[in-house]
Protein backbone atom coordinates (compact mmCIF):
# COMPACT_ATOMS: atom_id res chain seq x y z
CA MET A 1 -17.51 -11.45 -13.16
CA ALA A 2 -18.12 -9.24 -10.14
CA GLU A 3 -14.90 -10.44 -8.55
CA ASP A 4 -12.96 -9.59 -11.71
CA ARG A 5 -14.40 -6.09 -11.79
CA LEU A 6 -13.98 -5.41 -8.07
CA GLY A 7 -10.65 -7.18 -7.72
CA GLU A 8 -11.72 -8.94 -4.53
CA PRO A 9 -13.87 -11.90 -3.51
CA VAL A 10 -17.64 -11.43 -3.46
CA ASP A 11 -19.58 -13.46 -0.90
CA GLU A 12 -22.76 -11.44 -0.45
CA ALA A 13 -25.13 -9.52 -2.68
CA VAL A 14 -28.04 -7.12 -2.73
CA ILE A 15 -30.66 -8.62 -5.04
CA THR A 16 -33.23 -6.58 -6.94
CA VAL A 17 -36.56 -8.12 -7.84
CA ALA A 18 -39.59 -6.92 -9.73
CA ALA A 19 -42.15 -5.04 -7.65
CA TYR A 20 -44.81 -7.66 -8.40
CA PHE A 21 -42.74 -10.58 -7.03
CA THR A 22 -44.66 -12.59 -4.48
CA LEU A 23 -43.15 -13.70 -1.19
CA ARG A 24 -42.64 -17.15 -2.73
CA ALA A 25 -40.83 -15.69 -5.75
CA LYS A 26 -38.55 -13.69 -3.45
CA GLN A 27 -37.83 -16.80 -1.38
CA MET A 28 -36.94 -18.75 -4.52
CA THR A 29 -34.68 -15.92 -5.68
CA GLU A 30 -32.93 -15.93 -2.31
CA LYS A 31 -32.53 -19.71 -2.47
CA ALA A 32 -31.03 -19.52 -5.98
CA THR A 33 -28.62 -16.82 -4.81
CA GLU A 34 -27.50 -18.99 -1.90
CA MET A 35 -27.10 -21.98 -4.25
CA ALA A 36 -24.76 -19.77 -6.30
CA GLY A 37 -22.61 -19.40 -3.18
CA LEU A 38 -23.66 -15.90 -2.16
CA ARG A 39 -25.25 -14.63 1.04
CA VAL A 40 -28.25 -12.35 0.42
CA ALA A 41 -27.58 -9.07 2.21
CA GLN A 42 -30.90 -7.54 1.12
CA ILE A 43 -33.72 -8.04 -1.37
CA VAL A 44 -34.92 -4.73 -2.83
CA HIS A 45 -37.77 -4.02 -5.25
CA GLU A 46 -36.62 -2.59 -8.58
CA PRO A 47 -38.53 0.73 -8.23
CA VAL A 48 -36.70 1.36 -4.95
CA THR A 49 -33.38 0.49 -6.57
CA ALA A 50 -34.11 2.87 -9.44
CA ALA A 51 -34.87 5.69 -7.00
CA MET A 52 -31.67 4.97 -5.07
CA MET A 53 -29.58 5.04 -8.23
CA TYR A 54 -31.23 8.29 -9.33
CA CYS A 55 -30.31 9.88 -5.98
CA LEU A 56 -26.75 8.55 -6.19
CA ASN A 57 -26.34 9.90 -9.72
CA GLU A 58 -27.74 13.30 -8.71
CA THR A 59 -25.35 13.44 -5.75
CA ARG A 60 -22.41 12.42 -7.93
CA ASP A 61 -23.31 15.07 -10.52
CA ARG A 62 -23.58 17.77 -7.85
CA LEU A 63 -20.20 16.79 -6.41
CA ARG A 64 -18.69 16.89 -9.89
CA LEU A 65 -20.09 20.40 -10.42
CA ARG A 66 -18.74 21.56 -7.07
CA ASN A 67 -15.32 20.18 -7.94
CA GLN A 68 -15.40 21.97 -11.29
CA SER A 69 -16.42 25.17 -9.50
CA CYS A 70 -13.40 24.90 -7.21
CA GLU A 71 -11.09 24.25 -10.15
CA ALA A 72 -12.54 27.20 -12.07
CA GLY A 73 -12.13 29.36 -8.97
CA ASP A 74 -8.43 28.57 -8.94
CA GLN A 75 -8.22 30.09 -12.42
CA GLY A 76 -10.03 33.27 -11.37
CA GLN A 77 -13.39 32.11 -12.75
CA ARG A 78 -16.50 31.04 -10.88
CA LEU A 79 -19.27 28.70 -11.98
CA LYS A 80 -22.62 29.47 -10.41
CA LEU A 81 -24.26 26.46 -8.78
CA ASP A 82 -27.99 26.37 -8.18
């Protein structure tokens, strides 16, 4: 599935696990990932992943607003950014 979406081979992955996972549970998750033919690049707790995605979305939204501001400026209009 990931290979179809990305259009290239996938041989490693960042795995998210629940914050309450024990060391043993993380080790078993890593082993299952390796059995699936992937190298584990990193294991990250879900709350950390959620925070990272929030920051990425905020950054993307700010870039989108800046791009719109530039486009509006070309038409003689300006959008005020915070």
